[in-house]
Structure formats: C-alpha cells, structure tokens
Amino acid sequence: MQAVNIRQLKNNPSQVLRTAHEDDMVVVMNRDTPTALLIDLEKLGLPDMLSVKLALAVALFKNAAISAGSAARMAGKTLPEMLTLLSNLGIPLTTTNAEEAAQDMSIAREWLQQHT
C-alpha cells in the first residue's frame, strides 16, 4: 500500500491510478489524515465485475453524478439498453418535475402557434 497527498494526486493522477493498479491500493492523504482509498476494481477479484460496474453506473446516474450515456459506457451497455434498464428500475430518466414540464409544453405550444 502506498500513500499520496492531494497535491500528488492532482499533479499526476495517471501515476496514482497506475500505482493503484500495480499495488493493492493507494491511500490519499489530506495533510496527515487519510481521506480516500483508491483500489483498482479488477484487483478486488470479484466474481462478477460486470455487475459491479452496472450497479455503480446505475447509482451514479440515479444521483445525477453522470449522464445516461456515461452510465451506459461504464456498464458496457448500449444507450437504449441502459435507458430500458433504468426505466425498469423505476429511475426517472429526466429531472423535470410536473410544473417544469407544463411550462415547457406551454412554451412549445406558443412557438408552434407562431411558426405554423
């Protein structure tokens, strides 16, 4: 196990990731306090890495941290497959609430009236 400080991580993230891949893990230190742990997912030896990547992609999309396209790439799925999966899990594909949707429809109707 190796420790790096935040400056090292910011200055050379590729090297830190390579270290995590080559060693077991890398501890990221903020001053003298460990704040993060980098572990190469392949090194975990999990029997079903595809399921781990899929679960991670779904969780990140659900928390609005990544787009559906990024989630699909992370999970190794096509965009239509990912959208279907998210929909089947009951995860909203948009963050628009009913009020915003009604406002968008109103704007669209006005535009159509002006351009037809």
Protein backbone atom coordinates (compact mmCIF):
# COMPACT_ATOMS: atom_id res chain seq x y z
CA MET A 1 0.00 0.00 0.00
CA GLN A 2 1.22 3.45 -0.87
CA ALA A 3 0.13 6.88 0.38
CA VAL A 4 -0.05 10.04 -1.72
CA ASN A 5 -1.05 13.54 -0.80
CA ILE A 6 -3.71 15.52 -2.62
CA ARG A 7 -1.11 17.57 -4.50
CA GLN A 8 0.47 14.39 -5.91
CA LEU A 9 -2.97 13.16 -6.96
CA LYS A 10 -3.81 16.47 -8.68
CA ASN A 11 -0.41 16.78 -10.38
CA ASN A 12 -0.21 13.24 -11.73
CA PRO A 13 -3.49 11.31 -11.49
CA SER A 14 -2.35 8.79 -14.13
CA GLN A 15 0.61 7.77 -12.00
CA VAL A 16 -1.57 7.37 -8.91
CA LEU A 17 -4.06 5.21 -10.82
CA ARG A 18 -1.19 3.15 -12.21
CA THR A 19 0.09 2.67 -8.67
CA ALA A 20 -3.36 1.53 -7.54
CA HIS A 21 -3.38 -0.93 -10.42
CA GLU A 22 0.10 -2.27 -9.67
CA ASP A 23 -0.13 -2.27 -5.86
CA ASP A 24 -3.09 -3.30 -3.76
CA MET A 25 -4.33 0.21 -3.02
CA VAL A 26 -3.38 3.85 -2.60
CA VAL A 27 -4.34 5.98 0.39
CA VAL A 28 -4.94 9.65 -0.38
CA MET A 29 -3.89 11.90 2.47
CA ASN A 30 -5.18 15.40 3.23
CA ARG A 31 -2.44 16.83 5.40
CA ASP A 32 -1.89 13.98 7.87
CA THR A 33 -5.37 12.49 7.60
CA PRO A 34 -6.33 9.66 5.24
CA THR A 35 -9.34 10.85 3.24
CA ALA A 36 -9.75 8.42 0.35
CA LEU A 37 -8.77 4.96 -0.73
CA LEU A 38 -8.09 4.10 -4.38
CA ILE A 39 -8.49 0.46 -5.30
CA ASP A 40 -8.27 -0.97 -8.80
CA LEU A 41 -11.62 -2.69 -9.28
CA GLU A 42 -10.01 -5.54 -11.18
CA LYS A 43 -7.76 -6.25 -8.17
CA LEU A 44 -10.77 -6.87 -5.93
CA GLY A 45 -11.18 -10.26 -7.54
CA LEU A 46 -14.93 -10.04 -7.56
CA PRO A 47 -16.52 -12.92 -9.45
CA ASP A 48 -18.93 -10.69 -11.39
CA MET A 49 -17.18 -7.42 -12.22
CA LEU A 50 -19.78 -6.56 -14.89
CA SER A 51 -22.49 -6.49 -12.22
CA VAL A 52 -20.35 -4.23 -10.02
CA LYS A 53 -19.81 -1.80 -12.90
CA LEU A 54 -23.52 -1.88 -13.72
CA ALA A 55 -24.53 -1.21 -10.11
CA LEU A 56 -22.03 1.64 -9.89
CA ALA A 57 -23.27 3.16 -13.15
CA VAL A 58 -26.90 2.97 -12.01
CA ALA A 59 -26.09 4.53 -8.64
CA LEU A 60 -24.11 7.38 -10.18
CA PHE A 61 -26.87 8.11 -12.70
CA LYS A 62 -29.55 7.97 -10.02
CA ASN A 63 -27.61 10.56 -8.00
CA ALA A 64 -27.24 12.76 -11.11
CA ALA A 65 -23.46 12.41 -11.00
CA ILE A 66 -23.21 11.12 -14.59
CA SER A 67 -25.33 11.14 -17.73
CA ALA A 68 -27.20 8.14 -19.12
CA GLY A 69 -24.60 7.91 -21.88
CA SER A 70 -21.74 7.79 -19.39
CA ALA A 71 -23.61 5.21 -17.34
CA ALA A 72 -24.10 3.07 -20.45
CA ARG A 73 -20.39 3.22 -21.31
CA MET A 74 -19.41 2.40 -17.74
CA ALA A 75 -21.77 -0.59 -17.67
CA GLY A 76 -20.76 -1.82 -21.13
CA LYS A 77 -24.28 -1.39 -22.49
CA THR A 78 -25.78 0.46 -25.40
CA LEU A 79 -27.69 3.64 -24.59
CA PRO A 80 -31.10 2.05 -25.40
CA GLU A 81 -30.26 -0.93 -23.16
CA MET A 82 -29.26 1.40 -20.33
CA LEU A 83 -32.35 3.59 -20.70
CA THR A 84 -34.57 0.49 -20.65
CA LEU A 85 -32.82 -0.83 -17.54
CA LEU A 86 -33.08 2.49 -15.71
CA SER A 87 -36.75 2.76 -16.64
CA ASN A 88 -37.42 -0.82 -15.48
CA LEU A 89 -35.76 0.02 -12.16
CA GLY A 90 -38.13 2.97 -11.77
CA ILE A 91 -35.35 5.54 -12.02
CA PRO A 92 -36.56 8.76 -13.68
CA LEU A 93 -34.69 9.49 -16.89
CA THR A 94 -35.19 13.23 -16.50
CA THR A 95 -35.15 15.55 -13.54
CA THR A 96 -38.02 17.67 -14.81
CA ASN A 97 -40.91 17.95 -12.37
CA ALA A 98 -44.56 18.29 -13.44
CA GLU A 99 -44.57 22.07 -13.11
CA GLU A 100 -41.47 22.44 -15.31
CA ALA A 101 -42.93 20.03 -17.86
CA ALA A 102 -46.18 22.05 -18.04
CA GLN A 103 -44.18 25.24 -18.52
CA ASP A 104 -42.11 23.61 -21.29
CA MET A 105 -45.30 22.45 -23.03
CA SER A 106 -46.73 25.96 -22.83
CA ILE A 107 -43.61 27.42 -24.42
CA ALA A 108 -43.69 24.75 -27.14
CA ARG A 109 -47.36 25.50 -27.92
CA GLU A 110 -46.63 29.23 -28.21
CA TRP A 111 -43.72 28.51 -30.54
CA LEU A 112 -45.88 26.24 -32.71
CA GLN A 113 -48.60 28.90 -32.96
CA GLN A 114 -46.06 31.48 -34.09
CA HIS A 115 -44.43 29.19 -36.66
CA THR A 116 -47.42 27.49 -38.28
